Amino acid sequence: MSPDDAKKVRRRNIVAALLKVEAAALLALGLFMVIKSFGSHLEAPLALVGVVIFAILGAAALLVSAKGFHAGRNYGRAPAILLNLIAVGVSYFQMQAHLWVVALPLAALSLVTLILALSIVPN
């Protein structure tokens, strides 16, 4: 294995780990929204159901992408890039609302994952 291949494998493993962290965070956010809804009056319960379903689907897509990166395949690259671009946009809107505690870690995690995923060029 050449040094370039070893670097690529290491970057793939890092991206896979970061995608798993993002998936866990997204699942935790969906679970938090469900738990938080029990103690409050919901004006739009179907909207909450939609958000939770999309959180679960997004987390599943991140996990599939992580599996693809870990296996050395390229099928996880496009979804990982797309989902991290969405996360950068979400963090931007959180910064506009001055939610710095949430926005800065999300921006850092998504930008690092995005840059590493973009740096892995398919063969």
PDB file of N, CA and C in Angstrom:
ATOM      1  N   MET A   1       0.843  -1.170   0.000  1.00  0.00           N
ATOM      2  CA  MET A   1       0.000   0.000   0.000  1.00  0.00           C
ATOM      3  C   MET A   1       0.897   1.244   0.000  1.00  0.00           C
ATOM      4  N   SER A   2       0.628   2.130  -0.912  1.00  0.00           N
ATOM      5  CA  SER A   2       1.439   3.341  -1.017  1.00  0.00           C
ATOM      6  C   SER A   2       1.044   4.330   0.085  1.00  0.00           C
ATOM      7  N   PRO A   3       1.900   5.295   0.357  1.00  0.00           N
ATOM      8  CA  PRO A   3       1.570   6.295   1.378  1.00  0.00           C
ATOM      9  C   PRO A   3       0.306   7.089   1.042  1.00  0.00           C
ATOM     10  N   ASP A   4       0.059   7.331  -0.248  1.00  0.00           N
ATOM     11  CA  ASP A   4      -1.160   8.047  -0.644  1.00  0.00           C
ATOM     12  C   ASP A   4      -2.396   7.211  -0.348  1.00  0.00           C
ATOM     13  N   ASP A   5      -2.310   5.905  -0.584  1.00  0.00           N
ATOM     14  CA  ASP A   5      -3.432   5.025  -0.279  1.00  0.00           C
ATOM     15  C   ASP A   5      -3.675   4.962   1.227  1.00  0.00           C
ATOM     16  N   ALA A   6      -2.614   4.942   2.004  1.00  0.00           N
ATOM     17  CA  ALA A   6      -2.762   4.918   3.462  1.00  0.00           C
ATOM     18  C   ALA A   6      -3.424   6.195   3.961  1.00  0.00           C
ATOM     19  N   LYS A   7      -3.066   7.334   3.374  1.00  0.00           N
ATOM     20  CA  LYS A   7      -3.703   8.605   3.761  1.00  0.00           C
ATOM     21  C   LYS A   7      -5.177   8.606   3.397  1.00  0.00           C
ATOM     22  N   LYS A   8      -5.495   8.049   2.223  1.00  0.00           N
ATOM     23  CA  LYS A   8      -6.885   7.996   1.786  1.00  0.00           C
ATOM     24  C   LYS A   8      -7.712   7.104   2.718  1.00  0.00           C
ATOM     25  N   VAL A   9      -7.158   5.973   3.116  1.00  0.00           N
ATOM     26  CA  VAL A   9      -7.856   5.064   4.034  1.00  0.00           C
ATOM     27  C   VAL A   9      -8.076   5.746   5.382  1.00  0.00           C
ATOM     28  N   ARG A  10      -7.058   6.459   5.855  1.00  0.00           N
ATOM     29  CA  ARG A  10      -7.188   7.162   7.128  1.00  0.00           C
ATOM     30  C   ARG A  10      -8.267   8.248   7.046  1.00  0.00           C
ATOM     31  N   ARG A  11      -8.294   8.997   5.933  1.00  0.00           N
ATOM     32  CA  ARG A  11      -9.329  10.024   5.761  1.00  0.00           C
ATOM     33  C   ARG A  11     -10.711   9.400   5.665  1.00  0.00           C
ATOM     34  N   ARG A  12     -10.811   8.256   4.961  1.00  0.00           N
ATOM     35  CA  ARG A  12     -12.104   7.555   4.872  1.00  0.00           C
ATOM     36  C   ARG A  12     -12.591   7.141   6.258  1.00  0.00           C
ATOM     37  N   ASN A  13     -11.697   6.625   7.089  1.00  0.00           N
ATOM     38  CA  ASN A  13     -12.087   6.210   8.436  1.00  0.00           C
ATOM     39  C   ASN A  13     -12.497   7.397   9.290  1.00  0.00           C
ATOM     40  N   ILE A  14     -11.814   8.516   9.131  1.00  0.00           N
ATOM     41  CA  ILE A  14     -12.180   9.722   9.884  1.00  0.00           C
ATOM     42  C   ILE A  14     -13.553  10.213   9.449  1.00  0.00           C
ATOM     43  N   VAL A  15     -13.797  10.246   8.130  1.00  0.00           N
ATOM     44  CA  VAL A  15     -15.100  10.684   7.628  1.00  0.00           C
ATOM     45  C   VAL A  15     -16.194   9.741   8.118  1.00  0.00           C
ATOM     46  N   ALA A  16     -15.932   8.445   8.098  1.00  0.00           N
ATOM     47  CA  ALA A  16     -16.930   7.483   8.572  1.00  0.00           C
ATOM     48  C   ALA A  16     -17.259   7.727  10.043  1.00  0.00           C
ATOM     49  N   ALA A  17     -16.259   7.978  10.855  1.00  0.00           N
ATOM     50  CA  ALA A  17     -16.494   8.245  12.273  1.00  0.00           C
ATOM     51  C   ALA A  17     -17.274   9.547  12.464  1.00  0.00           C
ATOM     52  N   LEU A  18     -16.923  10.584  11.714  1.00  0.00           N
ATOM     53  CA  LEU A  18     -17.643  11.854  11.833  1.00  0.00           C
ATOM     54  C   LEU A  18     -19.088  11.720  11.374  1.00  0.00           C
ATOM     55  N   LEU A  19     -19.323  10.940  10.332  1.00  0.00           N
ATOM     56  CA  LEU A  19     -20.699  10.724   9.875  1.00  0.00           C
ATOM     57  C   LEU A  19     -21.512   9.964  10.920  1.00  0.00           C
ATOM     58  N   LYS A  20     -20.889   9.034  11.611  1.00  0.00           N
ATOM     59  CA  LYS A  20     -21.592   8.322  12.680  1.00  0.00           C
ATOM     60  C   LYS A  20     -21.926   9.258  13.837  1.00  0.00           C
ATOM     61  N   VAL A  21     -21.026  10.170  14.153  1.00  0.00           N
ATOM     62  CA  VAL A  21     -21.295  11.166  15.204  1.00  0.00           C
ATOM     63  C   VAL A  21     -22.463  12.058  14.784  1.00  0.00           C
ATOM     64  N   GLU A  22     -22.467  12.486  13.525  1.00  0.00           N
ATOM     65  CA  GLU A  22     -23.566  13.309  13.035  1.00  0.00           C
ATOM     66  C   GLU A  22     -24.889  12.548  13.083  1.00  0.00           C
ATOM     67  N   ALA A  23     -24.871  11.280  12.718  1.00  0.00           N
ATOM     68  CA  ALA A  23     -26.095  10.476  12.755  1.00  0.00           C
ATOM     69  C   ALA A  23     -26.600  10.329  14.183  1.00  0.00           C
ATOM     70  N   ALA A  24     -25.700  10.101  15.109  1.00  0.00           N
ATOM     71  CA  ALA A  24     -26.109   9.987  16.517  1.00  0.00           C
ATOM     72  C   ALA A  24     -26.695  11.302  17.022  1.00  0.00           C
ATOM     73  N   ALA A  25     -26.090  12.412  16.639  1.00  0.00           N
ATOM     74  CA  ALA A  25     -26.604  13.722  17.055  1.00  0.00           C
ATOM     75  C   ALA A  25     -27.980  13.979  16.457  1.00  0.00           C
ATOM     76  N   LEU A  26     -28.180  13.598  15.214  1.00  0.00           N
ATOM     77  CA  LEU A  26     -29.474  13.794  14.572  1.00  0.00           C
ATOM     78  C   LEU A  26     -30.548  12.921  15.207  1.00  0.00           C
ATOM     79  N   LEU A  27     -30.213  11.688  15.540  1.00  0.00           N
ATOM     80  CA  LEU A  27     -31.164  10.826  16.246  1.00  0.00           C
ATOM     81  C   LEU A  27     -31.486  11.377  17.635  1.00  0.00           C
ATOM     82  N   ALA A  28     -30.474  11.884  18.323  1.00  0.00           N
ATOM     83  CA  ALA A  28     -30.698  12.475  19.643  1.00  0.00           C
ATOM     84  C   ALA A  28     -31.594  13.701  19.542  1.00  0.00           C
ATOM     85  N   LEU A  29     -31.413  14.493  18.497  1.00  0.00           N
ATOM     86  CA  LEU A  29     -32.264  15.663  18.306  1.00  0.00           C
ATOM     87  C   LEU A  29     -33.704  15.256  18.050  1.00  0.00           C
ATOM     88  N   GLY A  30     -33.910  14.239  17.227  1.00  0.00           N
ATOM     89  CA  GLY A  30     -35.269  13.739  16.993  1.00  0.00           C
ATOM     90  C   GLY A  30     -35.902  13.208  18.262  1.00  0.00           C
ATOM     91  N   LEU A  31     -35.139  12.463  19.056  1.00  0.00           N
ATOM     92  CA  LEU A  31     -35.647  11.947  20.328  1.00  0.00           C
ATOM     93  C   LEU A  31     -35.954  13.090  21.291  1.00  0.00           C
ATOM     94  N   PHE A  32     -35.100  14.105  21.324  1.00  0.00           N
ATOM     95  CA  PHE A  32     -35.346  15.274  22.169  1.00  0.00           C
ATOM     96  C   PHE A  32     -36.650  15.963  21.781  1.00  0.00           C
ATOM     97  N   MET A  33     -36.898  16.082  20.492  1.00  0.00           N
ATOM     98  CA  MET A  33     -38.129  16.735  20.046  1.00  0.00           C
ATOM     99  C   MET A  33     -39.364  15.930  20.447  1.00  0.00           C
ATOM    100  N   VAL A  34     -39.264  14.618  20.376  1.00  0.00           N
ATOM    101  CA  VAL A  34     -40.393  13.775  20.788  1.00  0.00           C
ATOM    102  C   VAL A  34     -40.631  13.917  22.287  1.00  0.00           C
ATOM    103  N   ILE A  35     -39.584  13.848  23.091  1.00  0.00           N
ATOM    104  CA  ILE A  35     -39.718  13.956  24.546  1.00  0.00           C
ATOM    105  C   ILE A  35     -40.222  15.339  24.926  1.00  0.00           C
ATOM    106  N   LYS A  36     -39.700  16.370  24.287  1.00  0.00           N
ATOM    107  CA  LYS A  36     -40.110  17.743  24.583  1.00  0.00           C
ATOM    108  C   LYS A  36     -41.585  17.964  24.246  1.00  0.00           C
ATOM    109  N   SER A  37     -42.104  17.262  23.258  1.00  0.00           N
ATOM    110  CA  SER A  37     -43.498  17.445  22.855  1.00  0.00           C
ATOM    111  C   SER A  37     -44.484  16.893  23.880  1.00  0.00           C
ATOM    112  N   PHE A  38     -44.047  15.969  24.733  1.00  0.00           N
ATOM    113  CA  PHE A  38     -44.952  15.410  25.726  1.00  0.00           C
ATOM    114  C   PHE A  38     -45.353  16.440  26.786  1.00  0.00           C
ATOM    115  N   GLY A  39     -44.496  17.380  27.062  1.00  0.00           N
ATOM    116  CA  GLY A  39     -44.777  18.351  28.113  1.00  0.00           C
ATOM    117  C   GLY A  39     -45.352  19.655  27.624  1.00  0.00           C
ATOM    118  N   SER A  40     -45.720  19.740  26.355  1.00  0.00           N
ATOM    119  CA  SER A  40     -46.229  21.000  25.835  1.00  0.00           C
ATOM    120  C   SER A  40     -47.424  20.757  24.922  1.00  0.00           C
ATOM    121  N   HIS A  41     -48.133  21.832  24.675  1.00  0.00           N
ATOM    122  CA  HIS A  41     -49.281  21.770  23.775  1.00  0.00           C
ATOM    123  C   HIS A  41     -48.793  21.922  22.342  1.00  0.00           C
ATOM    124  N   LEU A  42     -49.135  20.964  21.499  1.00  0.00           N
ATOM    125  CA  LEU A  42     -48.705  21.009  20.102  1.00  0.00           C
ATOM    126  C   LEU A  42     -49.797  21.642  19.248  1.00  0.00           C
ATOM    127  N   GLU A  43     -49.418  22.661  18.510  1.00  0.00           N
ATOM    128  CA  GLU A  43     -50.365  23.273  17.590  1.00  0.00           C
ATOM    129  C   GLU A  43     -50.343  22.588  16.237  1.00  0.00           C
ATOM    130  N   ALA A  44     -49.226  21.982  15.888  1.00  0.00           N
ATOM    131  CA  ALA A  44     -49.092  21.289  14.603  1.00  0.00           C
ATOM    132  C   ALA A  44     -48.399  19.945  14.824  1.00  0.00           C
ATOM    133  N   PRO A  45     -49.125  18.953  15.320  1.00  0.00           N
ATOM    134  CA  PRO A  45     -48.487  17.658  15.600  1.00  0.00           C
ATOM    135  C   PRO A  45     -47.970  16.953  14.346  1.00  0.00           C
ATOM    136  N   LEU A  46     -48.630  17.151  13.205  1.00  0.00           N
ATOM    137  CA  LEU A  46     -48.152  16.510  11.983  1.00  0.00           C
ATOM    138  C   LEU A  46     -46.818  17.097  11.530  1.00  0.00           C
ATOM    139  N   ALA A  47     -46.597  18.370  11.812  1.00  0.00           N
ATOM    140  CA  ALA A  47     -45.301  18.968  11.488  1.00  0.00           C
ATOM    141  C   ALA A  47     -44.199  18.325  12.327  1.00  0.00           C
ATOM    142  N   LEU A  48     -44.484  18.075  13.595  1.00  0.00           N
ATOM    143  CA  LEU A  48     -43.510  17.405  14.457  1.00  0.00           C
ATOM    144  C   LEU A  48     -43.222  16.000  13.951  1.00  0.00           C
ATOM    145  N   VAL A  49     -44.257  15.288  13.545  1.00  0.00           N
ATOM    146  CA  VAL A  49     -44.073  13.943  13.010  1.00  0.00           C
ATOM    147  C   VAL A  49     -43.194  13.991  11.763  1.00  0.00           C
ATOM    148  N   GLY A  50     -43.435  14.961  10.899  1.00  0.00           N
ATOM    149  CA  GLY A  50     -42.612  15.106   9.692  1.00  0.00           C
ATOM    150  C   GLY A  50     -41.161  15.390  10.018  1.00  0.00           C
ATOM    151  N   VAL A  51     -40.922  16.279  10.976  1.00  0.00           N
ATOM    152  CA  VAL A  51     -39.550  16.612  11.351  1.00  0.00           C
ATOM    153  C   VAL A  51     -38.839  15.399  11.944  1.00  0.00           C
ATOM    154  N   VAL A  52     -39.534  14.653  12.790  1.00  0.00           N
ATOM    155  CA  VAL A  52     -38.932  13.466  13.406  1.00  0.00           C
ATOM    156  C   VAL A  52     -38.652  12.397  12.344  1.00  0.00           C
ATOM    157  N   ILE A  53     -39.567  12.224  11.409  1.00  0.00           N
ATOM    158  CA  ILE A  53     -39.338  11.237  10.339  1.00  0.00           C
ATOM    159  C   ILE A  53     -38.133  11.639   9.497  1.00  0.00           C
ATOM    160  N   PHE A  54     -38.027  12.928   9.163  1.00  0.00           N
ATOM    161  CA  PHE A  54     -36.877  13.374   8.375  1.00  0.00           C
ATOM    162  C   PHE A  54     -35.582  13.277   9.170  1.00  0.00           C
ATOM    163  N   ALA A  55     -35.644  13.450  10.471  1.00  0.00           N
ATOM    164  CA  ALA A  55     -34.446  13.270  11.297  1.00  0.00           C
ATOM    165  C   ALA A  55     -33.998  11.807  11.261  1.00  0.00           C
ATOM    166  N   ILE A  56     -34.945  10.899  11.342  1.00  0.00           N
ATOM    167  CA  ILE A  56     -34.621   9.471  11.291  1.00  0.00           C
ATOM    168  C   ILE A  56     -34.070   9.095   9.916  1.00  0.00           C
ATOM    169  N   LEU A  57     -34.704   9.598   8.856  1.00  0.00           N
ATOM    170  CA  LEU A  57     -34.218   9.301   7.498  1.00  0.00           C
ATOM    171  C   LEU A  57     -32.836   9.905   7.252  1.00  0.00           C
ATOM    172  N   GLY A  58     -32.613  11.118   7.738  1.00  0.00           N
ATOM    173  CA  GLY A  58     -31.300  11.743   7.592  1.00  0.00           C
ATOM    174  C   GLY A  58     -30.228  10.979   8.335  1.00  0.00           C
ATOM    175  N   ALA A  59     -30.546  10.526   9.550  1.00  0.00           N
ATOM    176  CA  ALA A  59     -29.588   9.742  10.324  1.00  0.00           C
ATOM    177  C   ALA A  59     -29.290   8.415   9.630  1.00  0.00           C
ATOM    178  N   ALA A  60     -30.319   7.798   9.059  1.00  0.00           N
ATOM    179  CA  ALA A  60     -30.109   6.543   8.330  1.00  0.00           C
ATOM    180  C   ALA A  60     -29.217   6.774   7.113  1.00  0.00           C
ATOM    181  N   ALA A  61     -29.443   7.876   6.399  1.00  0.00           N
ATOM    182  CA  ALA A  61     -28.598   8.187   5.239  1.00  0.00           C
ATOM    183  C   ALA A  61     -27.158   8.432   5.663  1.00  0.00           C
ATOM    184  N   LEU A  62     -26.956   9.110   6.788  1.00  0.00           N
ATOM    185  CA  LEU A  62     -25.599   9.331   7.286  1.00  0.00           C
ATOM    186  C   LEU A  62     -24.925   8.016   7.659  1.00  0.00           C
ATOM    187  N   LEU A  63     -25.674   7.109   8.268  1.00  0.00           N
ATOM    188  CA  LEU A  63     -25.099   5.814   8.633  1.00  0.00           C
ATOM    189  C   LEU A  63     -24.742   4.974   7.401  1.00  0.00           C
ATOM    190  N   VAL A  64     -25.580   5.032   6.382  1.00  0.00           N
ATOM    191  CA  VAL A  64     -25.280   4.311   5.140  1.00  0.00           C
ATOM    192  C   VAL A  64     -24.046   4.926   4.477  1.00  0.00           C
ATOM    193  N   SER A  65     -23.961   6.252   4.502  1.00  0.00           N
ATOM    194  CA  SER A  65     -22.779   6.916   3.946  1.00  0.00           C
ATOM    195  C   SER A  65     -21.525   6.534   4.720  1.00  0.00           C
ATOM    196  N   ALA A  66     -21.647   6.478   6.045  1.00  0.00           N
ATOM    197  CA  ALA A  66     -20.495   6.080   6.874  1.00  0.00           C
ATOM    198  C   ALA A  66     -20.061   4.657   6.537  1.00  0.00           C
ATOM    199  N   LYS A  67     -21.037   3.778   6.329  1.00  0.00           N
ATOM    200  CA  LYS A  67     -20.715   2.399   5.970  1.00  0.00           C
ATOM    201  C   LYS A  67     -19.986   2.354   4.630  1.00  0.00           C
ATOM    202  N   GLY A  68     -20.437   3.172   3.681  1.00  0.00           N
ATOM    203  CA  GLY A  68     -19.780   3.225   2.378  1.00  0.00           C
ATOM    204  C   GLY A  68     -18.353   3.745   2.470  1.00  0.00           C
ATOM    205  N   PHE A  69     -18.139   4.802   3.257  1.00  0.00           N
ATOM    206  CA  PHE A  69     -16.790   5.323   3.424  1.00  0.00           C
ATOM    207  C   PHE A  69     -15.895   4.307   4.112  1.00  0.00           C
ATOM    208  N   HIS A  70     -16.427   3.651   5.132  1.00  0.00           N
ATOM    209  CA  HIS A  70     -15.628   2.665   5.872  1.00  0.00           C
ATOM    210  C   HIS A  70     -15.237   1.481   4.986  1.00  0.00           C
ATOM    211  N   ALA A  71     -16.138   1.100   4.070  1.00  0.00           N
ATOM    212  CA  ALA A  71     -15.869  -0.032   3.183  1.00  0.00           C
ATOM    213  C   ALA A  71     -15.004   0.359   1.993  1.00  0.00           C
ATOM    214  N   GLY A  72     -14.716   1.636   1.849  1.00  0.00           N
ATOM    215  CA  GLY A  72     -13.891   2.076   0.730  1.00  0.00           C
ATOM    216  C   GLY A  72     -14.670   2.260  -0.555  1.00  0.00           C
ATOM    217  N   ARG A  73     -15.972   2.322  -0.457  1.00  0.00           N
ATOM    218  CA  ARG A  73     -16.828   2.523  -1.628  1.00  0.00           C
ATOM    219  C   ARG A  73     -17.102   4.012  -1.795  1.00  0.00           C
ATOM    220  N   ASN A  74     -17.598   4.382  -2.949  1.00  0.00           N
ATOM    221  CA  ASN A  74     -17.882   5.786  -3.210  1.00  0.00           C
ATOM    222  C   ASN A  74     -19.369   6.114  -3.184  1.00  0.00           C
ATOM    223  N   TYR A  75     -20.235   5.123  -2.919  1.00  0.00           N
ATOM    224  CA  TYR A  75     -21.663   5.405  -2.942  1.00  0.00           C
ATOM    225  C   TYR A  75     -22.108   6.293  -1.783  1.00  0.00           C
ATOM    226  N   GLY A  76     -21.297   6.442  -0.761  1.00  0.00           N
ATOM    227  CA  GLY A  76     -21.674   7.290   0.363  1.00  0.00           C
ATOM    228  C   GLY A  76     -21.183   8.718   0.238  1.00  0.00           C
ATOM    229  N   ARG A  77     -20.416   9.000  -0.788  1.00  0.00           N
ATOM    230  CA  ARG A  77     -19.788  10.321  -0.906  1.00  0.00           C
ATOM    231  C   ARG A  77     -20.807  11.421  -1.204  1.00  0.00           C
ATOM    232  N   ALA A  78     -21.649  11.238  -2.190  1.00  0.00           N
ATOM    233  CA  ALA A  78     -22.606  12.277  -2.577  1.00  0.00           C
ATOM    234  C   ALA A  78     -23.610  12.591  -1.454  1.00  0.00           C
ATOM    235  N   PRO A  79     -24.217  11.578  -0.810  1.00  0.00           N
ATOM    236  CA  PRO A  79     -25.128  11.910   0.290  1.00  0.00           C
ATOM    237  C   PRO A  79     -24.422  12.602   1.458  1.00  0.00           C
ATOM    238  N   ALA A  80     -23.191  12.197   1.734  1.00  0.00           N
ATOM    239  CA  ALA A  80     -22.449  12.826   2.831  1.00  0.00           C
ATOM    240  C   ALA A  80     -22.183  14.295   2.523  1.00  0.00           C
ATOM    241  N   ILE A  81     -21.811  14.589   1.282  1.00  0.00           N
ATOM    242  CA  ILE A  81     -21.559  15.973   0.898  1.00  0.00           C
ATOM    243  C   ILE A  81     -22.846  16.780   0.947  1.00  0.00           C
ATOM    244  N   LEU A  82     -23.922  16.235   0.406  1.00  0.00           N
ATOM    245  CA  LEU A  82     -25.207  16.945   0.391  1.00  0.00           C
ATOM    246  C   LEU A  82     -25.714  17.214   1.806  1.00  0.00           C
ATOM    247  N   LEU A  83     -25.686  16.207   2.660  1.00  0.00           N
ATOM    248  CA  LEU A  83     -26.193  16.386   4.022  1.00  0.00           C
ATOM    249  C   LEU A  83     -25.336  17.362   4.815  1.00  0.00           C
ATOM    250  N   ASN A  84     -24.052  17.386   4.563  1.00  0.00           N
ATOM    251  CA  ASN A  84     -23.201  18.340   5.276  1.00  0.00           C
ATOM    252  C   ASN A  84     -23.355  19.753   4.728  1.00  0.00           C
ATOM    253  N   LEU A  85     -23.650  19.903   3.454  1.00  0.00           N
ATOM    254  CA  LEU A  85     -23.975  21.227   2.923  1.00  0.00           C
ATOM    255  C   LEU A  85     -25.265  21.749   3.546  1.00  0.00           C
ATOM    256  N   ILE A  86     -26.234  20.867   3.742  1.00  0.00           N
ATOM    257  CA  ILE A  86     -27.472  21.251   4.424  1.00  0.00           C
ATOM    258  C   ILE A  86     -27.168  21.663   5.856  1.00  0.00           C
ATOM    259  N   ALA A  87     -26.306  20.915   6.528  1.00  0.00           N
ATOM    260  CA  ALA A  87     -25.947  21.241   7.915  1.00  0.00           C
ATOM    261  C   ALA A  87     -25.230  22.589   8.012  1.00  0.00           C
ATOM    262  N   VAL A  88     -24.419  22.921   7.022  1.00  0.00           N
ATOM    263  CA  VAL A  88     -23.768  24.237   7.011  1.00  0.00           C
ATOM    264  C   VAL A  88     -24.827  25.332   6.902  1.00  0.00           C
ATOM    265  N   GLY A  89     -25.817  25.121   6.058  1.00  0.00           N
ATOM    266  CA  GLY A  89     -26.910  26.082   5.935  1.00  0.00           C
ATOM    267  C   GLY A  89     -27.716  26.213   7.212  1.00  0.00           C
ATOM    268  N   VAL A  90     -27.983  25.092   7.857  1.00  0.00           N
ATOM    269  CA  VAL A  90     -28.716  25.125   9.128  1.00  0.00           C
ATOM    270  C   VAL A  90     -27.912  25.869  10.185  1.00  0.00           C
ATOM    271  N   SER A  91     -26.620  25.636  10.240  1.00  0.00           N
ATOM    272  CA  SER A  91     -25.796  26.337  11.224  1.00  0.00           C
ATOM    273  C   SER A  91     -25.753  27.837  10.931  1.00  0.00           C
ATOM    274  N   TYR A  92     -25.802  28.222   9.666  1.00  0.00           N
ATOM    275  CA  TYR A  92     -25.845  29.640   9.317  1.00  0.00           C
ATOM    276  C   TYR A  92     -27.114  30.295   9.872  1.00  0.00           C
ATOM    277  N   PHE A  93     -28.262  29.623   9.711  1.00  0.00           N
ATOM    278  CA  PHE A  93     -29.504  30.182  10.237  1.00  0.00           C
ATOM    279  C   PHE A  93     -29.502  30.204  11.762  1.00  0.00           C
ATOM    280  N   GLN A  94     -28.862  29.238  12.384  1.00  0.00           N
ATOM    281  CA  GLN A  94     -28.738  29.262  13.840  1.00  0.00           C
ATOM    282  C   GLN A  94     -27.860  30.414  14.291  1.00  0.00           C
ATOM    283  N   MET A  95     -26.838  30.739  13.519  1.00  0.00           N
ATOM    284  CA  MET A  95     -26.002  31.896  13.840  1.00  0.00           C
ATOM    285  C   MET A  95     -26.808  33.187  13.707  1.00  0.00           C
ATOM    286  N   GLN A  96     -27.688  33.248  12.723  1.00  0.00           N
ATOM    287  CA  GLN A  96     -28.536  34.424  12.555  1.00  0.00           C
ATOM    288  C   GLN A  96     -29.465  34.618  13.751  1.00  0.00           C
ATOM    289  N   ALA A  97     -29.859  33.505  14.390  1.00  0.00           N
ATOM    290  CA  ALA A  97     -30.720  33.558  15.571  1.00  0.00           C
ATOM    291  C   ALA A  97     -29.910  33.653  16.863  1.00  0.00           C
ATOM    292  N   HIS A  98     -28.589  33.785  16.752  1.00  0.00           N
ATOM    293  CA  HIS A  98     -27.677  33.906  17.896  1.00  0.00           C
ATOM    294  C   HIS A  98     -27.692  32.673  18.796  1.00  0.00           C
ATOM    295  N   LEU A  99     -27.876  31.496  18.210  1.00  0.00           N
ATOM    296  CA  LEU A  99     -27.775  30.225  18.937  1.00  0.00           C
ATOM    297  C   LEU A  99     -26.354  29.696  18.780  1.00  0.00           C
ATOM    298  N   TRP A 100     -25.402  30.423  19.308  1.00  0.00           N
ATOM    299  CA  TRP A 100     -23.993  30.119  19.106  1.00  0.00           C
ATOM    300  C   TRP A 100     -23.590  28.767  19.682  1.00  0.00           C
ATOM    301  N   VAL A 101     -24.202  28.355  20.774  1.00  0.00           N
ATOM    302  CA  VAL A 101     -23.833  27.093  21.425  1.00  0.00           C
ATOM    303  C   VAL A 101     -24.117  25.905  20.508  1.00  0.00           C
ATOM    304  N   VAL A 102     -25.138  26.021  19.707  1.00  0.00           N
ATOM    305  CA  VAL A 102     -25.489  24.944  18.784  1.00  0.00           C
ATOM    306  C   VAL A 102     -24.842  25.173  17.417  1.00  0.00           C
ATOM    307  N   ALA A 103     -24.813  26.423  16.972  1.00  0.00           N
ATOM    308  CA  ALA A 103     -24.371  26.735  15.617  1.00  0.00           C
ATOM    309  C   ALA A 103     -22.886  26.471  15.403  1.00  0.00           C
ATOM    310  N   LEU A 104     -22.053  26.871  16.328  1.00  0.00           N
ATOM    311  CA  LEU A 104     -20.605  26.723  16.123  1.00  0.00           C
ATOM    312  C   LEU A 104     -20.145  25.267  16.090  1.00  0.00           C
ATOM    313  N   PRO A 105     -20.583  24.408  17.027  1.00  0.00           N
ATOM    314  CA  PRO A 105     -20.177  22.995  16.902  1.00  0.00           C
ATOM    315  C   PRO A 105     -20.717  22.330  15.638  1.00  0.00           C
ATOM    316  N   LEU A 106     -21.961  22.661  15.271  1.00  0.00           N
ATOM    317  CA  LEU A 106     -22.526  22.078  14.055  1.00  0.00           C
ATOM    318  C   LEU A 106     -21.757  22.533  12.828  1.00  0.00           C
ATOM    319  N   ALA A 107     -21.428  23.810  12.773  1.00  0.00           N
ATOM    320  CA  ALA A 107     -20.670  24.330  11.636  1.00  0.00           C
ATOM    321  C   ALA A 107     -19.289  23.684  11.572  1.00  0.00           C
ATOM    322  N   ALA A 108     -18.622  23.572  12.704  1.00  0.00           N
ATOM    323  CA  ALA A 108     -17.285  22.972  12.720  1.00  0.00           C
ATOM    324  C   ALA A 108     -17.335  21.513  12.278  1.00  0.00           C
ATOM    325  N   LEU A 109     -18.254  20.748  12.839  1.00  0.00           N
ATOM    326  CA  LEU A 109     -18.362  19.329  12.500  1.00  0.00           C
ATOM    327  C   LEU A 109     -18.711  19.138  11.030  1.00  0.00           C
ATOM    328  N   SER A 110     -19.683  19.883  10.553  1.00  0.00           N
ATOM    329  CA  SER A 110     -20.110  19.697   9.165  1.00  0.00           C
ATOM    330  C   SER A 110     -19.051  20.185   8.176  1.00  0.00           C
ATOM    331  N   LEU A 111     -18.352  21.274   8.491  1.00  0.00           N
ATOM    332  CA  LEU A 111     -17.312  21.756   7.580  1.00  0.00           C
ATOM    333  C   LEU A 111     -16.122  20.798   7.513  1.00  0.00           C
ATOM    334  N   VAL A 112     -15.704  20.267   8.655  1.00  0.00           N
ATOM    335  CA  VAL A 112     -14.596  19.310   8.654  1.00  0.00           C
ATOM    336  C   VAL A 112     -14.983  18.055   7.876  1.00  0.00           C
ATOM    337  N   THR A 113     -16.173  17.543   8.123  1.00  0.00           N
ATOM    338  CA  THR A 113     -16.634  16.352   7.412  1.00  0.00           C
ATOM    339  C   THR A 113     -16.759  16.628   5.924  1.00  0.00           C
ATOM    340  N   LEU A 114     -17.296  17.793   5.582  1.00  0.00           N
ATOM    341  CA  LEU A 114     -17.460  18.159   4.183  1.00  0.00           C
ATOM    342  C   LEU A 114     -16.117  18.254   3.467  1.00  0.00           C
ATOM    343  N   ILE A 115     -15.164  18.910   4.070  1.00  0.00           N
ATOM    344  CA  ILE A 115     -13.842  19.069   3.449  1.00  0.00           C
ATOM    345  C   ILE A 115     -13.152  17.718   3.279  1.00  0.00           C
ATOM    346  N   LEU A 116     -13.235  16.879   4.316  1.00  0.00           N
ATOM    347  CA  LEU A 116     -12.609  15.558   4.191  1.00  0.00           C
ATOM    348  C   LEU A 116     -13.307  14.692   3.138  1.00  0.00           C
ATOM    349  N   ALA A 117     -14.631  14.766   3.097  1.00  0.00           N
ATOM    350  CA  ALA A 117     -15.358  13.971   2.088  1.00  0.00           C
ATOM    351  C   ALA A 117     -15.036  14.450   0.677  1.00  0.00           C
ATOM    352  N   LEU A 118     -14.877  15.755   0.508  1.00  0.00           N
ATOM    353  CA  LEU A 118     -14.510  16.291  -0.804  1.00  0.00           C
ATOM    354  C   LEU A 118     -13.079  15.955  -1.185  1.00  0.00           C
ATOM    355  N   SER A 119     -12.221  15.786  -0.175  1.00  0.00           N
ATOM    356  CA  SER A 119     -10.794  15.533  -0.468  1.00  0.00           C
ATOM    357  C   SER A 119     -10.532  14.099  -0.902  1.00  0.00           C
ATOM    358  N   ILE A 120     -11.468  13.211  -0.704  1.00  0.00           N
ATOM    359  CA  ILE A 120     -11.300  11.814  -1.108  1.00  0.00           C
ATOM    360  C   ILE A 120     -11.785  11.679  -2.537  1.00  0.00           C
ATOM    361  N   VAL A 121     -10.846  11.634  -3.453  1.00  0.00           N
ATOM    362  CA  VAL A 121     -11.161  11.576  -4.869  1.00  0.00           C
ATOM    363  C   VAL A 121     -11.374  10.119  -5.271  1.00  0.00           C
ATOM    364  N   PRO A 122     -12.501   9.831  -5.936  1.00  0.00           N
ATOM    365  CA  PRO A 122     -12.710   8.443  -6.370  1.00  0.00           C
ATOM    366  C   PRO A 122     -11.663   7.995  -7.364  1.00  0.00           C
ATOM    367  N   ASN A 123     -11.384   6.700  -7.363  1.00  0.00           N
ATOM    368  CA  ASN A 123     -10.389   6.124  -8.312  1.00  0.00           C
ATOM    369  C   ASN A 123     -10.928   6.128  -9.726  1.00  0.00           C
TER     370      ASN A 123
END
